[in-house]
Amino acid sequence: MKITDFLLRLKLQKGIGYVKLLQIAGQLDTDEVTLELINHLPLPEALLTASRNAFNDQKAAKMAECISKQCTVISFFDELYPEKLRQIYQPPLILFARGDLSLLQQEIITIVGSRLASDYSRTVINKLVPNLIKKKFVIASGLAKGVDSMAHIAALNNNGKTIAVVGNGLNHYYPMQNHVIQEEIIKKGLLLSEYLPDTPPRPFRFPERNRILAGLSKSVIVTEAKERSGSLITANLALQENRNVYAVPGPITSQLSAGPNRLIEAGASPIVDFEFKEDKFFTLSEAK
């Protein structure tokens, strides 16, 4: 059995979450998984039993086959798995994808910001994204309302490529108002999730999703965001993974500019025009 198929069967087992899946996957160093190999893994008996059960579970095998027909299943051990994502703390062990898989191997830049963004973000994104596309960047975001949607739409409207990383399974549309955008991304970009296809959206899944947005990319751009927001979580995760962080400055009278302004104060590179000059960047760890 291919290791990706085995990991998917494991993920389908009750009681096997990320930590246990990681413990088992960490002992696998071969493309093929056999029952004999499982029996010799240096694991606690409970995990060995779970591994044997997954290997022999015909119901899970049928579910895995059904899932594989709905989307592409990528494991940490596959060549398709993006190298930058391998490097992060707690990388997703399995990804589910629909769309253009080649985008995972291209240069990616993530744009995040407030769900309640103003026209200021829309104007900035609509002028910035065409230049990013000219520089061959793939635009990634989280398919939420506000800045995320603006970034995806700007990429699609300028014949660029975009990746949407969602905090739910690929069979769900969230928010529902982005139904059309999601379908367009599947046709012209890539839809990506670490959750089984029928997994519904839940608040705790969005911060988990943010580590993937940060990990996939070379750089993260933050537009309007409050001082305490998911966008700032993404920026901080990007910093922890030694990614570049840029911020769009705004008026100090605006709560939505508080987040980007604080990032700039801490050393993030401000975006002062629409050319996106990467050579101007220095990391926050260098700012004292």
Protein backbone atom coordinates (compact mmCIF):
# COMPACT_ATOMS: atom_id res chain seq x y z
CA MET A 1 0.00 0.00 0.00
CA LYS A 2 1.29 3.47 -0.88
CA ILE A 3 2.19 5.57 2.14
CA THR A 4 -0.28 8.31 1.13
CA ASP A 5 -3.12 5.77 0.99
CA PHE A 6 -2.12 4.42 4.40
CA LEU A 7 -2.01 7.89 5.98
CA LEU A 8 -5.42 8.71 4.55
CA ARG A 9 -6.85 5.51 6.03
CA LEU A 10 -5.27 6.46 9.36
CA LYS A 11 -6.83 9.91 9.18
CA LEU A 12 -10.21 8.26 8.70
CA GLN A 13 -9.86 6.29 11.95
CA LYS A 14 -11.68 7.55 15.04
CA GLY A 15 -9.32 8.76 17.74
CA ILE A 16 -6.42 9.47 15.38
CA GLY A 17 -5.69 13.18 15.45
CA TYR A 18 -2.67 15.13 14.29
CA VAL A 19 -0.35 14.14 17.14
CA LYS A 20 -0.94 10.40 16.80
CA LEU A 21 -0.79 10.60 13.02
CA LEU A 22 2.54 12.41 13.31
CA GLN A 23 3.90 9.77 15.72
CA ILE A 24 3.09 7.03 13.25
CA ALA A 25 4.17 8.93 10.13
CA GLY A 26 7.47 9.81 11.81
CA GLN A 27 8.41 6.13 11.84
CA LEU A 28 7.72 5.56 8.16
CA ASP A 29 10.65 5.91 5.78
CA THR A 30 9.43 3.94 2.80
CA ASP A 31 7.02 4.53 -0.10
CA GLU A 32 5.26 1.22 0.51
CA VAL A 33 3.57 0.23 3.76
CA THR A 34 3.05 -3.45 4.56
CA LEU A 35 1.54 -5.21 7.55
CA GLU A 36 4.95 -6.69 8.29
CA LEU A 37 6.47 -3.22 8.36
CA ILE A 38 3.73 -1.98 10.70
CA ASN A 39 4.32 -4.89 13.10
CA HIS A 40 7.98 -3.87 13.46
CA LEU A 41 7.45 -0.14 14.00
CA PRO A 42 8.85 1.14 17.34
CA LEU A 43 5.49 2.45 18.53
CA PRO A 44 3.28 1.99 21.62
CA GLU A 45 0.93 -0.97 21.29
CA ALA A 46 -2.12 1.31 21.01
CA LEU A 47 -0.66 3.03 17.94
CA LEU A 48 0.39 -0.30 16.44
CA THR A 49 -3.15 -1.56 16.86
CA ALA A 50 -4.55 1.61 15.27
CA SER A 51 -2.11 1.20 12.36
CA ARG A 52 -3.09 -2.44 11.81
CA ASN A 53 -6.76 -1.52 11.97
CA ALA A 54 -6.29 1.24 9.39
CA PHE A 55 -4.35 -1.08 7.11
CA ASN A 56 -7.10 -3.73 7.21
CA ASP A 57 -10.13 -1.42 7.37
CA GLN A 58 -12.15 -2.09 4.20
CA LYS A 59 -14.71 0.58 5.04
CA ALA A 60 -11.90 3.15 5.30
CA ALA A 61 -10.49 1.80 2.04
CA LYS A 62 -13.79 2.50 0.25
CA MET A 63 -14.03 5.96 1.83
CA ALA A 64 -10.45 6.73 0.80
CA GLU A 65 -11.21 5.62 -2.75
CA CYS A 66 -14.26 7.87 -2.82
CA ILE A 67 -12.24 10.83 -1.52
CA SER A 68 -9.53 10.25 -4.12
CA LYS A 69 -12.16 10.54 -6.84
CA GLN A 70 -13.34 13.89 -5.44
CA CYS A 71 -9.93 15.53 -5.10
CA THR A 72 -6.19 14.93 -5.15
CA VAL A 73 -4.74 13.62 -1.90
CA ILE A 74 -1.17 14.76 -1.19
CA SER A 75 0.85 13.49 1.74
CA PHE A 76 3.97 14.95 3.32
CA PHE A 77 5.99 12.25 1.55
CA ASP A 78 4.81 13.05 -2.00
CA GLU A 79 6.85 14.98 -4.52
CA LEU A 80 3.87 17.28 -5.05
CA TYR A 81 4.04 18.43 -1.43
CA PRO A 82 5.38 22.03 -1.39
CA GLU A 83 8.90 22.23 0.01
CA LYS A 84 8.37 25.45 1.96
CA LEU A 85 5.46 23.85 3.78
CA ARG A 86 7.63 20.89 4.83
CA GLN A 87 9.80 23.28 6.80
CA ILE A 88 7.16 24.67 9.17
CA TYR A 89 6.30 23.61 12.69
CA GLN A 90 3.52 21.01 12.56
CA PRO A 91 3.18 20.79 8.79
CA PRO A 92 -0.06 19.21 7.58
CA LEU A 93 0.59 15.52 6.91
CA ILE A 94 -2.16 15.28 4.32
CA LEU A 95 -3.54 17.91 1.95
CA PHE A 96 -6.67 17.74 -0.17
CA ALA A 97 -6.60 19.71 -3.41
CA ARG A 98 -8.74 20.62 -6.41
CA GLY A 99 -7.35 22.53 -9.34
CA ASP A 100 -3.92 23.29 -10.75
CA LEU A 101 -1.42 21.34 -8.62
CA SER A 102 1.56 22.91 -10.39
CA LEU A 103 0.90 26.13 -8.44
CA LEU A 104 2.30 24.44 -5.31
CA GLN A 105 5.74 24.47 -6.93
CA GLN A 106 5.67 28.14 -7.94
CA GLU A 107 6.58 31.29 -6.02
CA ILE A 108 3.67 32.12 -3.73
CA ILE A 109 2.82 35.34 -1.93
CA THR A 110 0.04 35.45 0.68
CA ILE A 111 -2.27 38.45 1.12
CA VAL A 112 -4.35 38.67 4.29
CA GLY A 113 -6.38 41.29 6.10
CA SER A 114 -9.69 42.15 7.71
CA ARG A 115 -13.01 40.54 6.81
CA LEU A 116 -14.47 44.04 7.26
CA ALA A 117 -11.96 45.77 5.01
CA SER A 118 -12.70 49.16 3.52
CA ASP A 119 -12.33 50.39 -0.06
CA TYR A 120 -8.76 51.34 0.89
CA SER A 121 -7.79 47.64 0.86
CA ARG A 122 -9.65 47.08 -2.39
CA THR A 123 -7.83 49.97 -4.08
CA VAL A 124 -4.42 48.83 -2.81
CA ILE A 125 -5.01 45.20 -3.78
CA ASN A 126 -6.34 46.08 -7.24
CA LYS A 127 -3.23 48.14 -7.96
CA LEU A 128 -0.71 45.86 -6.25
CA VAL A 129 -1.83 42.43 -7.48
CA PRO A 130 -1.26 43.09 -11.23
CA ASN A 131 2.38 43.92 -10.48
CA LEU A 132 2.76 40.79 -8.35
CA ILE A 133 1.37 38.74 -11.22
CA LYS A 134 3.85 40.35 -13.63
CA LYS A 135 6.58 39.18 -11.27
CA LYS A 136 5.18 35.62 -11.61
CA PHE A 137 3.81 35.37 -8.08
CA VAL A 138 0.87 33.10 -7.30
CA ILE A 139 -1.54 34.93 -4.96
CA ALA A 140 -2.63 32.92 -1.91
CA SER A 141 -5.29 33.79 0.63
CA GLY A 142 -7.95 32.19 2.82
CA LEU A 143 -11.19 32.69 0.81
CA ALA A 144 -12.81 34.62 3.68
CA LYS A 145 -14.86 37.77 3.26
CA GLY A 146 -13.05 41.07 2.88
CA VAL A 147 -9.36 41.15 1.98
CA ASP A 148 -9.13 37.43 1.14
CA SER A 149 -11.90 37.66 -1.45
CA MET A 150 -10.45 40.90 -2.83
CA ALA A 151 -7.06 39.22 -3.34
CA HIS A 152 -8.51 36.17 -5.10
CA ILE A 153 -10.77 38.26 -7.33
CA ALA A 154 -7.94 40.65 -8.26
CA ALA A 155 -5.75 37.69 -9.26
CA LEU A 156 -8.49 36.12 -11.37
CA ASN A 157 -9.45 39.45 -13.01
CA ASN A 158 -5.82 40.00 -14.05
CA ASN A 159 -5.36 36.51 -15.50
CA GLY A 160 -3.18 35.51 -12.58
CA LYS A 161 -3.09 32.35 -10.53
CA THR A 162 -4.45 32.06 -7.02
CA ILE A 163 -4.52 29.48 -4.21
CA ALA A 164 -7.31 29.43 -1.64
CA VAL A 165 -6.48 27.64 1.61
CA VAL A 166 -9.75 26.98 3.43
CA GLY A 167 -10.56 26.17 7.05
CA ASN A 168 -13.04 23.43 6.16
CA GLY A 169 -13.39 20.46 3.82
CA LEU A 170 -13.47 21.02 0.08
CA ASN A 171 -17.12 19.95 -0.15
CA HIS A 172 -18.22 23.00 1.84
CA TYR A 173 -18.58 26.60 0.72
CA TYR A 174 -17.69 29.11 3.41
CA PRO A 175 -18.77 31.77 3.46
CA MET A 176 -21.63 30.77 1.17
CA GLN A 177 -21.40 34.10 -0.65
CA ASN A 178 -18.02 32.96 -2.04
CA HIS A 179 -19.55 29.94 -3.76
CA VAL A 180 -18.94 31.35 -7.25
CA ILE A 181 -15.39 32.50 -6.41
CA GLN A 182 -14.55 29.06 -5.02
CA GLU A 183 -15.71 27.34 -8.21
CA GLU A 184 -13.73 29.82 -10.30
CA ILE A 185 -10.61 29.13 -8.24
CA ILE A 186 -10.99 25.39 -8.81
CA LYS A 187 -11.13 26.04 -12.58
CA LYS A 188 -8.32 28.59 -12.80
CA GLY A 189 -6.31 28.18 -9.59
CA LEU A 190 -6.11 25.78 -6.66
CA LEU A 191 -8.34 25.02 -3.68
CA LEU A 192 -6.47 23.50 -0.73
CA SER A 193 -7.37 22.10 2.70
CA GLU A 194 -5.91 19.79 5.34
CA TYR A 195 -9.39 18.64 6.36
CA LEU A 196 -11.36 15.68 5.05
CA PRO A 197 -13.73 16.85 2.28
CA ASP A 198 -16.92 16.73 4.37
CA THR A 199 -15.43 18.59 7.36
CA PRO A 200 -17.60 21.63 8.21
CA PRO A 201 -16.14 25.07 9.02
CA ARG A 202 -15.48 25.74 12.71
CA PRO A 203 -13.83 28.80 14.33
CA PHE A 204 -10.81 26.89 15.67
CA ARG A 205 -9.95 25.59 12.20
CA PHE A 206 -9.17 29.03 10.78
CA PRO A 207 -6.10 29.70 12.98
CA GLU A 208 -4.92 26.19 12.03
CA ARG A 209 -5.41 27.11 8.37
CA ASN A 210 -3.31 30.26 8.85
CA ARG A 211 -0.10 28.29 9.43
CA ILE A 212 -0.51 26.79 5.96
CA LEU A 213 -1.01 30.22 4.38
CA ALA A 214 2.17 31.42 6.10
CA GLY A 215 4.11 28.24 5.34
CA LEU A 216 3.30 28.03 1.63
CA SER A 217 4.55 31.48 0.83
CA LYS A 218 7.80 33.31 0.41
CA SER A 219 6.20 36.50 1.73
CA VAL A 220 3.07 37.65 3.52
CA ILE A 221 1.36 41.00 2.89
CA VAL A 222 -1.02 42.38 5.53
CA THR A 223 -3.45 45.12 4.54
CA GLU A 224 -6.12 46.45 6.90
CA ALA A 225 -6.32 44.43 10.13
CA LYS A 226 -7.10 45.17 13.75
CA GLU A 227 -4.36 44.79 16.31
CA ARG A 228 -5.80 41.46 17.43
CA SER A 229 -6.87 39.51 14.38
CA GLY A 230 -6.33 36.33 12.39
CA SER A 231 -4.24 38.30 9.91
CA LEU A 232 -1.77 39.18 12.63
CA ILE A 233 -1.66 35.50 13.63
CA THR A 234 -0.70 34.68 10.04
CA ALA A 235 1.98 37.40 10.08
CA ASN A 236 3.44 36.12 13.35
CA LEU A 237 3.46 32.55 12.05
CA ALA A 238 5.24 33.80 8.93
CA LEU A 239 7.88 35.46 11.10
CA GLN A 240 8.39 32.27 13.10
CA GLU A 241 9.01 30.43 9.83
CA ASN A 242 11.45 33.12 8.62
CA ARG A 243 9.18 34.42 5.89
CA ASN A 244 9.12 38.01 4.68
CA VAL A 245 6.36 40.17 6.14
CA TYR A 246 5.08 43.35 4.49
CA ALA A 247 2.38 45.69 5.72
CA VAL A 248 0.25 48.36 4.08
CA PRO A 249 0.40 51.50 6.27
CA GLY A 250 -2.75 53.44 7.02
CA PRO A 251 -4.04 56.40 9.04
CA ILE A 252 -3.47 56.12 12.78
CA THR A 253 -7.10 57.12 13.28
CA SER A 254 -8.27 53.85 11.71
CA GLN A 255 -8.65 50.71 13.83
CA LEU A 256 -8.22 48.67 10.66
CA SER A 257 -4.75 50.13 10.15
CA ALA A 258 -3.63 49.44 13.72
CA GLY A 259 -2.39 45.94 12.86
CA PRO A 260 -0.27 46.83 9.81
CA ASN A 261 1.06 49.98 11.50
CA ARG A 262 2.17 47.97 14.54
CA LEU A 263 3.89 45.46 12.26
CA ILE A 264 5.75 48.29 10.57
CA GLU A 265 6.69 49.74 13.96
CA ALA A 266 8.15 46.34 14.86
CA GLY A 267 10.18 46.20 11.64
CA ALA A 268 7.97 44.86 8.86
CA SER A 269 8.63 46.42 5.49
CA PRO A 270 5.99 49.05 4.59
CA ILE A 271 4.48 48.94 1.13
CA VAL A 272 4.82 52.54 -0.03
CA ASP A 273 4.11 52.01 -3.74
CA PHE A 274 2.72 49.28 -5.97
CA GLU A 275 5.98 47.96 -7.41
CA PHE A 276 6.71 45.54 -4.52
CA LYS A 277 10.48 45.79 -4.25
CA GLU A 278 11.56 42.73 -2.29
CA ASP A 279 15.12 43.98 -1.91
CA LYS A 280 13.83 46.59 0.56
CA PHE A 281 12.76 43.96 3.06
CA PHE A 282 14.38 43.15 6.40
CA THR A 283 13.01 40.69 8.95
CA LEU A 284 11.43 41.67 12.23
CA SER A 285 14.07 39.65 14.03
CA GLU A 286 16.60 42.22 12.78
CA ALA A 287 14.60 45.16 14.08
CA LYS A 288 15.58 46.17 17.60
